[in-house]
N, C-alpha and C. Protein backbone atom coordinates (compact mmCIF):
# COMPACT_ATOMS: atom_id res chain seq x y z
N MET A 1 110.38 69.67 224.49
CA MET A 1 108.97 69.01 223.73
C MET A 1 109.04 67.58 224.22
N GLY A 2 107.90 67.17 224.30
CA GLY A 2 107.53 65.54 224.91
C GLY A 2 107.90 64.56 224.19
N VAL A 3 107.93 63.50 224.39
CA VAL A 3 108.23 62.50 223.46
C VAL A 3 107.12 62.43 222.48
N PHE A 4 105.75 62.69 222.60
CA PHE A 4 104.77 62.80 221.66
C PHE A 4 104.53 63.59 220.80
N LYS A 5 104.93 63.88 219.68
CA LYS A 5 104.89 65.39 218.82
C LYS A 5 103.09 65.49 218.98
N LYS A 6 103.01 67.01 219.10
CA LYS A 6 101.62 67.16 218.99
C LYS A 6 100.58 66.77 217.28
N LEU A 7 99.68 66.08 217.63
CA LEU A 7 98.98 65.24 216.65
C LEU A 7 97.81 66.14 215.58
N LYS A 8 97.83 65.63 214.32
CA LYS A 8 96.99 66.08 213.78
C LYS A 8 95.77 65.37 213.73
N SER A 9 94.79 65.75 213.46
CA SER A 9 93.51 65.06 213.53
C SER A 9 93.44 63.53 212.56
N SER A 10 94.29 63.62 211.72
CA SER A 10 94.57 62.26 210.42
C SER A 10 95.49 61.02 210.80
N GLU A 11 96.48 61.70 212.14
CA GLU A 11 97.33 60.86 212.60
C GLU A 11 96.89 59.79 213.88
N ALA A 12 97.91 59.25 214.21
CA ALA A 12 96.95 57.68 214.97
C ALA A 12 97.22 58.49 216.34
N SER A 13 96.56 57.82 217.57
CA SER A 13 96.77 58.42 218.59
C SER A 13 97.85 58.16 219.12
N PRO A 14 98.86 58.78 219.93
CA PRO A 14 99.84 58.47 220.70
C PRO A 14 100.01 56.84 221.30
N PRO A 15 101.00 55.90 221.51
CA PRO A 15 101.00 54.72 222.26
C PRO A 15 100.57 54.85 223.72
N GLN A 16 99.71 53.96 224.08
CA GLN A 16 98.89 54.36 225.62
C GLN A 16 100.16 53.95 226.60
N VAL A 17 99.75 54.53 227.57
CA VAL A 17 100.75 54.50 228.85
C VAL A 17 100.44 53.30 229.50
N VAL A 18 101.43 52.11 229.95
CA VAL A 18 101.37 51.49 231.16
C VAL A 18 101.79 52.11 232.48
N PHE A 19 101.39 52.03 233.27
CA PHE A 19 101.92 51.96 234.67
C PHE A 19 102.03 50.79 235.33
N ALA A 20 103.12 50.61 235.86
CA ALA A 20 103.65 48.93 236.23
C ALA A 20 103.23 48.92 237.59
N THR A 21 101.91 48.82 238.11
CA THR A 21 101.43 48.35 239.50
C THR A 21 100.01 47.79 239.26
N LYS A 22 100.10 46.83 240.10
CA LYS A 22 99.18 46.44 240.60
C LYS A 22 98.10 46.58 241.89
N ASN A 23 98.29 48.12 242.22
CA ASN A 23 98.06 48.05 243.60
C ASN A 23 96.91 49.16 243.14
N ASN A 24 95.65 48.74 243.55
CA ASN A 24 94.59 49.31 243.19
C ASN A 24 94.55 50.78 243.85
N GLY A 25 94.89 50.47 245.03
CA GLY A 25 94.88 52.18 245.57
C GLY A 25 95.83 52.94 244.76
N LYS A 26 96.91 52.54 244.61
CA LYS A 26 98.08 53.67 243.88
C LYS A 26 97.57 53.91 242.71
N LEU A 27 96.90 52.82 241.92
CA LEU A 27 96.22 53.49 240.77
C LEU A 27 95.10 54.50 240.85
N GLU A 28 94.11 54.12 241.91
CA GLU A 28 93.35 55.32 241.86
C GLU A 28 93.93 56.54 241.47
N GLU A 29 94.68 56.92 242.16
CA GLU A 29 95.58 57.64 242.71
C GLU A 29 95.93 58.27 241.55
N ILE A 30 97.05 57.41 240.93
CA ILE A 30 97.40 57.98 239.62
C ILE A 30 96.63 58.41 238.73
N LYS A 31 95.46 57.39 237.92
CA LYS A 31 94.70 57.67 237.23
C LYS A 31 94.09 59.10 237.22
N LYS A 32 93.77 59.72 238.33
CA LYS A 32 93.43 61.22 238.45
C LYS A 32 94.35 61.96 237.56
N ILE A 33 95.75 61.44 237.64
CA ILE A 33 96.41 62.36 236.88
C ILE A 33 97.27 62.20 235.89
N ILE A 34 97.38 60.94 235.30
CA ILE A 34 97.52 60.74 233.96
C ILE A 34 96.84 60.04 233.19
N ASP A 35 96.65 59.82 231.81
CA ASP A 35 95.97 58.74 231.58
C ASP A 35 96.68 57.31 231.42
N CYS A 36 96.61 56.35 232.20
CA CYS A 36 97.07 55.15 231.81
C CYS A 36 96.28 53.71 232.18
N ILE A 37 97.24 52.70 231.79
CA ILE A 37 96.48 51.28 232.23
C ILE A 37 97.44 50.54 233.36
N SER A 38 97.03 49.66 233.48
CA SER A 38 97.71 48.78 234.53
C SER A 38 98.30 47.93 233.75
N VAL A 39 98.81 47.31 234.49
CA VAL A 39 99.98 45.99 234.27
C VAL A 39 98.55 44.85 233.64
N THR A 40 97.52 44.70 234.68
CA THR A 40 96.64 43.96 234.37
C THR A 40 95.74 44.07 233.05
N GLU A 41 95.35 45.45 233.44
CA GLU A 41 94.39 45.97 231.79
C GLU A 41 95.49 45.58 230.65
N ALA A 42 96.75 45.77 231.11
CA ALA A 42 97.75 45.48 229.25
C ALA A 42 97.67 44.02 229.18
N GLY A 43 97.48 43.15 230.05
CA GLY A 43 97.49 41.45 229.85
C GLY A 43 98.43 41.03 230.52
N ILE A 44 99.49 41.71 231.34
CA ILE A 44 100.30 40.82 232.28
C ILE A 44 100.06 40.68 233.90
N ASP A 45 100.75 39.81 234.16
CA ASP A 45 100.62 39.08 234.99
C ASP A 45 102.02 38.57 235.40
N ILE A 46 102.62 39.66 236.26
CA ILE A 46 103.80 38.68 236.47
C ILE A 46 104.33 39.42 237.95
N GLU A 47 105.18 39.36 238.64
CA GLU A 47 105.75 39.71 239.73
C GLU A 47 107.43 39.96 239.63
N ILE A 48 107.63 40.91 239.74
CA ILE A 48 108.94 41.86 239.85
C ILE A 48 109.71 41.68 240.74
N GLU A 49 110.88 40.91 241.11
CA GLU A 49 111.66 41.54 242.71
C GLU A 49 111.69 42.30 242.32
N GLU A 50 111.88 43.44 243.64
CA GLU A 50 112.54 44.50 243.92
C GLU A 50 113.57 44.32 244.52
N ASP A 51 114.83 43.92 243.88
CA ASP A 51 116.27 43.89 244.50
C ASP A 51 117.04 44.62 244.12
N GLY A 52 116.45 45.89 243.66
CA GLY A 52 117.71 47.22 243.64
C GLY A 52 118.56 47.63 244.74
N GLU A 53 119.31 48.12 244.74
CA GLU A 53 120.14 48.48 245.79
C GLU A 53 119.19 50.12 246.06
N THR A 54 118.57 50.59 244.86
CA THR A 54 118.20 52.03 245.79
C THR A 54 116.98 52.04 244.74
N TYR A 55 116.06 53.15 245.44
CA TYR A 55 114.49 53.56 245.16
C TYR A 55 114.43 53.02 243.28
N LEU A 56 115.36 54.47 243.02
CA LEU A 56 115.48 54.60 241.26
C LEU A 56 115.89 53.09 240.48
N ASP A 57 116.69 52.07 240.95
CA ASP A 57 117.07 50.79 240.40
C ASP A 57 115.67 50.31 240.32
N ASN A 58 114.96 50.20 241.60
CA ASN A 58 113.67 49.35 241.76
C ASN A 58 112.56 49.72 240.21
N ALA A 59 112.76 50.95 240.35
CA ALA A 59 111.89 51.93 239.50
C ALA A 59 111.65 51.81 237.79
N PHE A 60 113.15 51.59 237.72
CA PHE A 60 113.45 51.38 236.34
C PHE A 60 113.29 49.99 235.93
N LYS A 61 113.88 49.22 236.88
CA LYS A 61 113.65 47.53 236.58
C LYS A 61 112.11 47.17 236.08
N LYS A 62 111.19 47.90 237.09
CA LYS A 62 109.90 47.19 236.55
C LYS A 62 109.12 48.17 235.31
N ALA A 63 109.86 49.43 234.77
CA ALA A 63 109.36 49.92 233.83
C ALA A 63 109.62 49.28 232.80
N GLU A 64 111.06 48.97 232.73
CA GLU A 64 111.86 48.38 231.92
C GLU A 64 111.29 46.93 231.25
N THR A 65 110.81 46.00 232.44
CA THR A 65 110.43 44.95 232.19
C THR A 65 108.99 44.89 231.52
N ILE A 66 108.21 46.10 232.20
CA ILE A 66 107.18 46.29 231.53
C ILE A 66 106.74 46.34 230.24
N ALA A 67 107.59 47.51 229.68
CA ALA A 67 108.29 48.01 228.92
C ALA A 67 108.33 47.07 227.71
N LYS A 68 109.40 46.13 227.61
CA LYS A 68 109.79 45.05 227.00
C LYS A 68 108.48 44.08 226.41
N LEU A 69 107.62 43.88 227.79
CA LEU A 69 106.82 42.72 227.46
C LEU A 69 105.44 43.25 226.70
N THR A 70 105.05 44.77 226.67
CA THR A 70 104.18 45.23 226.55
C THR A 70 104.49 46.08 225.26
N GLY A 71 105.98 46.39 224.78
CA GLY A 71 105.92 47.20 223.50
C GLY A 71 105.50 48.53 223.80
N LYS A 72 104.74 49.07 225.13
CA LYS A 72 104.25 50.39 225.21
C LYS A 72 105.24 51.53 226.18
N PRO A 73 104.96 52.34 225.76
CA PRO A 73 105.90 53.36 226.88
C PRO A 73 105.13 53.01 228.67
N THR A 74 106.18 52.75 229.42
CA THR A 74 105.61 52.27 231.00
C THR A 74 106.20 53.57 231.95
N LEU A 75 105.55 53.67 232.83
CA LEU A 75 105.85 54.39 233.90
C LEU A 75 105.92 53.37 234.98
N SER A 76 106.82 53.61 236.06
CA SER A 76 106.76 52.73 237.18
C SER A 76 107.32 53.62 238.85
N ASP A 77 106.59 53.21 240.13
CA ASP A 77 107.17 53.99 240.55
C ASP A 77 107.80 53.10 242.13
N ASP A 78 108.86 53.71 242.69
CA ASP A 78 109.13 53.26 243.87
C ASP A 78 109.18 54.15 244.90
N SER A 79 108.41 53.63 246.00
CA SER A 79 108.44 54.71 247.22
C SER A 79 108.57 54.21 248.38
N GLY A 80 109.00 55.05 249.55
CA GLY A 80 108.90 54.47 250.65
C GLY A 80 108.93 55.57 251.59
N ILE A 81 108.94 55.15 253.16
CA ILE A 81 108.52 56.51 254.10
C ILE A 81 110.30 56.08 254.52
N GLU A 82 110.76 57.53 255.12
CA GLU A 82 111.96 57.46 256.13
C GLU A 82 111.45 57.96 257.33
N ILE A 83 112.16 57.30 258.33
CA ILE A 83 111.58 57.48 259.80
C ILE A 83 113.17 57.84 260.77
N GLU A 84 113.00 59.10 260.74
CA GLU A 84 114.30 59.69 261.44
C GLU A 84 114.82 58.88 262.44
N HIS A 85 113.63 58.63 263.58
CA HIS A 85 114.04 58.06 264.91
C HIS A 85 114.72 56.55 264.37
N LEU A 86 114.04 55.96 263.40
CA LEU A 86 114.61 54.86 262.67
C LEU A 86 115.81 54.79 261.97
N ASN A 87 116.63 55.76 261.84
CA ASN A 87 117.77 56.01 260.84
C ASN A 87 117.40 55.72 259.65
N GLY A 88 116.15 56.64 259.26
CA GLY A 88 115.92 56.02 258.03
C GLY A 88 114.99 55.01 257.18
N LEU A 89 115.30 54.29 257.85
CA LEU A 89 114.25 52.88 257.75
C LEU A 89 112.29 53.29 257.58
N PRO A 90 111.72 52.48 257.25
CA PRO A 90 111.89 51.10 256.48
C PRO A 90 112.71 51.75 254.78
N GLY A 91 112.49 53.14 254.28
CA GLY A 91 113.16 53.12 253.34
C GLY A 91 112.43 52.50 251.86
N LYS A 92 113.56 52.15 251.27
CA LYS A 92 113.12 51.64 250.03
C LYS A 92 112.35 50.33 249.96
N ASP A 93 112.60 49.77 251.31
CA ASP A 93 112.15 48.22 251.67
C ASP A 93 110.87 48.28 252.20
N ALA A 94 110.19 49.85 252.42
CA ALA A 94 109.00 49.75 252.78
C ALA A 94 107.81 48.99 253.02
N ALA A 95 107.79 48.08 251.70
CA ALA A 95 106.50 47.40 251.48
C ALA A 95 106.58 45.91 252.09
N TYR A 96 108.06 45.67 252.43
CA TYR A 96 108.29 44.17 253.11
C TYR A 96 108.74 44.64 254.89
N TYR A 97 108.98 45.90 255.07
CA TYR A 97 109.77 46.19 256.42
C TYR A 97 109.02 45.10 257.59
N LEU A 98 109.55 44.69 258.34
CA LEU A 98 109.66 43.92 259.60
C LEU A 98 108.54 42.40 259.40
N THR A 99 107.85 42.19 258.11
CA THR A 99 106.77 41.19 257.86
C THR A 99 107.52 40.80 256.30
N THR A 100 107.35 39.44 255.83
CA THR A 100 107.38 39.19 254.72
C THR A 100 106.13 39.24 253.74
N ASN A 101 105.28 40.05 253.93
CA ASN A 101 104.09 39.94 252.93
C ASN A 101 103.79 41.77 253.28
N GLU A 102 102.56 41.82 252.92
CA GLU A 102 102.35 43.22 252.54
C GLU A 102 101.28 43.49 253.51
N ASN A 103 101.40 43.40 254.95
CA ASN A 103 100.18 43.52 255.84
C ASN A 103 100.67 44.85 256.66
N TYR A 104 100.29 45.60 256.22
CA TYR A 104 100.47 47.27 256.69
C TYR A 104 99.82 47.64 258.24
N LYS A 105 98.87 46.74 258.49
CA LYS A 105 97.99 47.17 259.75
C LYS A 105 98.93 46.53 260.62
N GLU A 106 99.63 45.36 260.66
CA GLU A 106 100.46 45.06 261.72
C GLU A 106 101.89 45.80 261.45
N ARG A 107 102.36 45.79 260.49
CA ARG A 107 103.42 46.72 260.09
C ARG A 107 103.62 47.82 261.10
N ASN A 108 102.54 48.78 260.89
CA ASN A 108 102.35 50.03 261.19
C ASN A 108 101.81 50.09 262.70
N SER A 109 101.37 49.24 263.13
CA SER A 109 101.36 48.89 264.58
C SER A 109 102.94 48.85 265.21
N THR A 110 103.53 47.97 264.65
CA THR A 110 104.38 47.63 265.30
C THR A 110 105.79 48.74 264.90
N ILE A 111 105.70 49.97 263.94
CA ILE A 111 106.14 51.01 264.05
C ILE A 111 105.48 51.83 264.98
N LEU A 112 104.80 51.87 265.33
CA LEU A 112 104.34 52.72 266.69
C LEU A 112 104.88 52.56 267.89
N LYS A 113 104.79 51.11 268.04
CA LYS A 113 105.38 50.52 269.33
C LYS A 113 106.89 51.09 269.44
N MET A 114 107.42 51.02 268.48
CA MET A 114 108.88 51.30 268.20
C MET A 114 108.97 52.79 268.45
N LEU A 115 107.86 53.49 268.39
CA LEU A 115 108.52 55.40 268.38
C LEU A 115 107.57 55.62 269.47
N GLU A 116 107.23 54.63 270.63
CA GLU A 116 106.50 54.96 271.64
C GLU A 116 107.00 56.20 272.30
N ASN A 117 107.95 56.04 273.06
CA ASN A 117 108.83 56.81 273.77
C ASN A 117 109.26 58.08 272.91
N ALA A 118 109.43 57.97 271.72
CA ALA A 118 110.13 58.74 270.74
C ALA A 118 110.10 60.24 270.78
N GLN A 119 110.80 61.09 270.89
CA GLN A 119 110.82 62.95 271.12
C GLN A 119 110.73 62.74 269.31
N ASN A 120 111.73 62.43 268.66
CA ASN A 120 111.67 62.85 267.19
C ASN A 120 111.08 62.04 266.75
N ARG A 121 109.69 62.28 266.03
CA ARG A 121 109.03 61.57 265.45
C ARG A 121 109.02 61.86 263.59
N ASN A 122 109.79 62.69 263.53
CA ASN A 122 110.05 63.44 261.65
C ASN A 122 110.12 62.10 260.94
N ALA A 123 109.17 62.44 260.04
CA ALA A 123 109.54 61.24 258.78
C ALA A 123 109.11 61.91 257.35
N LYS A 124 109.48 61.23 256.24
CA LYS A 124 109.23 61.95 254.95
C LYS A 124 108.82 60.60 253.90
N TYR A 125 107.65 61.03 253.33
CA TYR A 125 107.61 59.76 251.78
C TYR A 125 108.20 60.13 251.10
N VAL A 126 109.19 59.31 250.14
CA VAL A 126 109.83 59.54 249.22
C VAL A 126 108.97 58.84 247.74
N CYS A 127 109.15 59.70 246.86
CA CYS A 127 109.05 58.77 245.45
C CYS A 127 109.74 59.10 244.16
N TYR A 128 110.31 57.81 243.54
CA TYR A 128 111.12 58.04 242.25
C TYR A 128 109.99 57.57 240.86
N ILE A 129 109.88 58.13 239.82
CA ILE A 129 108.76 57.80 239.06
C ILE A 129 109.90 57.53 237.97
N ALA A 130 109.75 56.54 237.25
CA ALA A 130 110.81 55.82 236.18
C ALA A 130 109.88 55.87 234.85
N TYR A 131 110.32 56.32 233.59
CA TYR A 131 109.72 56.22 232.37
C TYR A 131 110.61 55.77 231.14
N VAL A 132 109.98 54.50 230.70
CA VAL A 132 111.06 53.90 229.95
C VAL A 132 109.84 53.83 228.35
N ASN A 133 110.71 54.38 227.25
CA ASN A 133 109.88 54.21 226.14
C ASN A 133 110.53 53.00 225.32
N PRO A 134 109.53 52.11 224.96
CA PRO A 134 110.35 51.08 224.12
C PRO A 134 111.57 51.37 223.13
N ASP A 135 111.32 52.96 222.86
CA ASP A 135 112.65 53.16 221.84
C ASP A 135 114.17 53.46 222.41
N GLY A 136 114.08 53.38 223.87
CA GLY A 136 115.11 53.28 224.34
C GLY A 136 115.20 54.74 225.53
N GLN A 137 114.27 55.36 225.62
CA GLN A 137 114.40 56.73 226.33
C GLN A 137 114.25 56.19 227.72
N LYS A 138 114.93 57.06 228.82
CA LYS A 138 114.61 56.56 229.90
C LYS A 138 114.90 57.96 230.81
N LEU A 139 113.54 58.56 231.37
CA LEU A 139 113.82 59.21 232.74
C LEU A 139 113.62 59.27 233.79
N TYR A 140 113.36 59.91 234.55
CA TYR A 140 112.93 59.51 236.08
C TYR A 140 112.36 61.04 236.84
N THR A 141 111.79 61.33 237.90
CA THR A 141 111.83 62.38 238.33
C THR A 141 111.23 61.72 240.04
N VAL A 142 111.98 62.84 241.06
CA VAL A 142 111.69 62.49 242.67
C VAL A 142 110.95 63.40 243.17
N ALA A 143 110.27 63.14 244.06
CA ALA A 143 109.94 64.11 245.01
C ALA A 143 109.15 63.41 246.63
N THR A 144 109.51 64.26 247.40
CA THR A 144 109.28 64.02 248.79
C THR A 144 108.15 64.89 249.39
N ILE A 145 107.77 64.07 250.50
CA ILE A 145 106.48 64.95 251.52
C ILE A 145 107.26 64.98 252.93
N GLU A 146 106.90 65.60 254.01
CA GLU A 146 107.42 65.74 255.02
C GLU A 146 106.64 65.99 256.00
N GLY A 147 106.73 64.95 257.05
CA GLY A 147 105.89 65.24 258.05
C GLY A 147 106.17 64.36 259.43
N GLN A 148 105.58 64.01 260.31
CA GLN A 148 105.54 63.42 261.40
C GLN A 148 104.56 61.78 261.31
N ILE A 149 105.41 61.03 262.27
CA ILE A 149 104.50 59.82 262.48
C ILE A 149 103.09 59.92 263.85
N ALA A 150 102.41 59.64 263.25
CA ALA A 150 101.04 59.66 264.40
C ALA A 150 101.48 59.18 265.69
N LYS A 151 100.49 59.31 266.42
CA LYS A 151 100.50 58.37 267.99
C LYS A 151 99.92 57.13 267.94
N GLU A 152 98.67 57.04 266.78
CA GLU A 152 97.77 55.74 266.63
C GLU A 152 97.40 56.27 265.05
N PRO A 153 96.78 54.93 264.53
CA PRO A 153 96.76 54.84 263.30
C PRO A 153 94.95 55.90 263.26
N ARG A 154 94.94 56.63 262.13
CA ARG A 154 93.68 57.15 261.82
C ARG A 154 93.65 57.41 260.21
N GLY A 155 92.34 57.03 260.10
CA GLY A 155 91.56 57.17 258.41
C GLY A 155 91.44 55.80 257.75
N THR A 156 90.49 55.78 256.64
CA THR A 156 90.50 55.11 256.35
C THR A 156 90.82 55.17 254.45
N ASN A 157 91.21 56.15 254.27
CA ASN A 157 91.43 56.57 252.74
C ASN A 157 92.73 56.00 252.26
N GLY A 158 93.24 55.74 252.70
CA GLY A 158 95.03 55.52 252.19
C GLY A 158 95.01 54.53 251.81
N PHE A 159 96.45 53.81 251.68
CA PHE A 159 97.11 52.65 251.96
C PHE A 159 98.49 52.92 252.48
N ALA A 160 99.29 51.57 252.89
CA ALA A 160 100.25 51.46 253.45
C ALA A 160 100.39 52.39 254.66
N TYR A 161 101.36 53.43 254.33
CA TYR A 161 101.64 54.04 255.67
C TYR A 161 100.91 55.25 256.03
N ASP A 162 99.81 55.92 255.35
CA ASP A 162 99.12 56.66 255.11
C ASP A 162 98.37 56.90 256.72
N GLU A 163 97.77 56.33 257.37
CA GLU A 163 97.49 55.67 258.27
C GLU A 163 98.17 56.58 259.72
N ILE A 164 99.31 55.98 259.58
CA ILE A 164 100.23 57.10 260.87
C ILE A 164 101.28 58.05 260.26
N PHE A 165 100.92 58.67 258.94
CA PHE A 165 101.68 59.89 258.42
C PHE A 165 101.15 60.83 258.55
N ILE A 166 101.46 61.80 259.34
CA ILE A 166 100.46 63.38 259.06
C ILE A 166 101.30 64.16 258.66
N PRO A 167 101.06 64.79 257.26
CA PRO A 167 101.96 65.55 256.20
C PRO A 167 101.90 66.92 257.06
N ASN A 168 102.82 68.06 256.83
CA ASN A 168 102.97 69.00 257.24
C ASN A 168 101.88 70.14 256.50
N GLU A 169 101.48 69.94 255.34
CA GLU A 169 100.49 70.68 254.73
C GLU A 169 98.99 70.44 255.38
N PHE A 170 98.99 69.19 256.49
CA PHE A 170 97.49 69.31 256.94
C PHE A 170 97.61 68.53 258.29
N PRO A 171 98.59 69.22 259.37
CA PRO A 171 99.09 68.87 260.53
C PRO A 171 98.33 68.51 261.66
N GLN A 172 96.54 68.23 261.04
CA GLN A 172 95.58 67.88 261.85
C GLN A 172 95.53 66.30 261.31
N LYS A 173 95.69 66.01 260.47
CA LYS A 173 95.07 64.79 259.51
C LYS A 173 96.30 64.13 259.37
N THR A 174 96.12 62.69 259.17
CA THR A 174 97.03 61.47 258.21
C THR A 174 96.87 61.80 257.31
N MET A 175 97.46 61.35 256.08
CA MET A 175 97.18 60.84 255.16
C MET A 175 95.82 60.39 254.27
N ALA A 176 95.55 59.15 255.39
CA ALA A 176 94.28 58.40 255.04
C ALA A 176 93.50 59.10 255.68
N GLU A 177 93.42 60.45 256.02
CA GLU A 177 92.23 61.21 256.67
C GLU A 177 92.23 62.12 255.56
N LEU A 178 92.58 62.04 254.63
CA LEU A 178 92.50 63.46 253.37
C LEU A 178 91.77 62.41 252.43
N THR A 179 90.89 63.32 251.81
CA THR A 179 90.36 63.35 250.46
C THR A 179 91.57 62.77 249.35
N LEU A 180 90.80 62.09 248.32
CA LEU A 180 91.83 61.90 247.30
C LEU A 180 92.16 62.99 246.59
N GLU A 181 91.63 63.92 246.36
CA GLU A 181 91.66 65.45 245.80
C GLU A 181 92.83 66.39 246.55
N GLU A 182 92.90 66.08 247.90
CA GLU A 182 93.90 66.58 248.76
C GLU A 182 95.18 65.67 248.77
N LYS A 183 94.97 64.52 248.58
CA LYS A 183 96.01 63.78 248.76
C LYS A 183 97.12 64.28 247.45
N ASN A 184 96.04 64.08 246.31
CA ASN A 184 97.25 64.50 244.81
C ASN A 184 97.61 65.87 244.72
N GLU A 185 97.13 66.51 245.63
CA GLU A 185 97.65 68.34 245.86
C GLU A 185 99.10 67.97 246.46
N ILE A 186 99.25 67.12 247.46
CA ILE A 186 100.33 67.41 248.17
C ILE A 186 101.77 66.33 247.84
N SER A 187 100.96 65.22 247.75
CA SER A 187 101.69 63.90 247.89
C SER A 187 102.58 63.37 247.21
N HIS A 188 103.80 62.85 247.49
CA HIS A 188 104.87 62.73 246.94
C HIS A 188 104.96 62.29 245.48
N ARG A 189 104.08 60.72 245.73
CA ARG A 189 103.72 59.99 244.40
C ARG A 189 102.99 61.19 243.33
N ALA A 190 102.29 62.09 243.81
CA ALA A 190 101.71 63.06 242.82
C ALA A 190 102.53 63.83 242.22
N LYS A 191 103.42 64.76 243.31
CA LYS A 191 104.31 66.05 242.95
C LYS A 191 105.28 65.32 241.91
N ALA A 192 105.74 64.04 241.63
CA ALA A 192 106.74 63.12 241.06
C ALA A 192 106.08 62.86 239.68
N LEU A 193 104.89 62.61 239.78
CA LEU A 193 104.41 62.33 238.65
C LEU A 193 103.64 63.30 237.61
N LYS A 194 103.19 64.50 238.27
CA LYS A 194 103.08 65.55 237.77
C LYS A 194 104.08 66.38 237.15
N ALA A 195 105.22 65.85 237.64
CA ALA A 195 106.69 66.89 237.19
C ALA A 195 106.91 65.79 236.21
N MET A 196 106.87 64.56 235.75
CA MET A 196 106.90 63.35 234.82
C MET A 196 105.96 63.89 233.55
N LYS A 197 104.89 63.76 233.95
CA LYS A 197 103.86 64.35 233.03
C LYS A 197 104.44 65.48 231.86
N GLU A 198 104.67 66.34 232.65
CA GLU A 198 105.18 67.82 232.08
C GLU A 198 106.42 67.31 231.48
N LYS A 199 107.75 66.89 232.08
CA LYS A 199 108.57 66.28 231.43
C LYS A 199 108.64 65.43 230.21
N VAL A 200 107.24 64.56 229.80
CA VAL A 200 107.49 63.83 229.01
C VAL A 200 106.03 64.51 227.82
N GLY A 201 105.90 65.32 228.80
CA GLY A 201 104.11 65.30 227.56
C GLY A 201 103.20 64.38 227.46
N LEU A 202 102.85 63.60 228.39
CA LEU A 202 101.97 62.79 228.78
C LEU A 202 100.31 63.74 228.61
């Protein structure tokens, strides 16, 4: 049974869920799956250093911080791309790999140069979703999606590494060439989020 019991018409609505991100592209995907508000919509404007040793450490740190500040159930994700030719890098440090900012155009271009002569272009996206209830409940889900690194960036619909990642489910398209509906059918984040939605009863 989920965290929120089935409500009678006379009962109050369950507390609003906050998703601990300010990434608008990510939020657009997430809000197609669950009803939530962003940290900005919750009135919070802080930067949380993602200094954990694992994806899960980072996801829980963000969720716990925002849950304490808002008093609301909070979801957060930590995700990354793992490229076999680069021994699993960028991994959990995907947001700042090779640069000190989130300039993904520059980062993707550099990665393509690093893989210019690579025979093995296998890669996978990884996503951990953490849930923290102010009452102390903590849950997580994890999902992946397998694919290949493209030879050149393609598409404008995604963000981060989407323009260079070709999912196995759509071998002729990068993630950035998929519609939002197609992406939410297969993506690592969508799969982990749907599993959490089922687990918590959101």
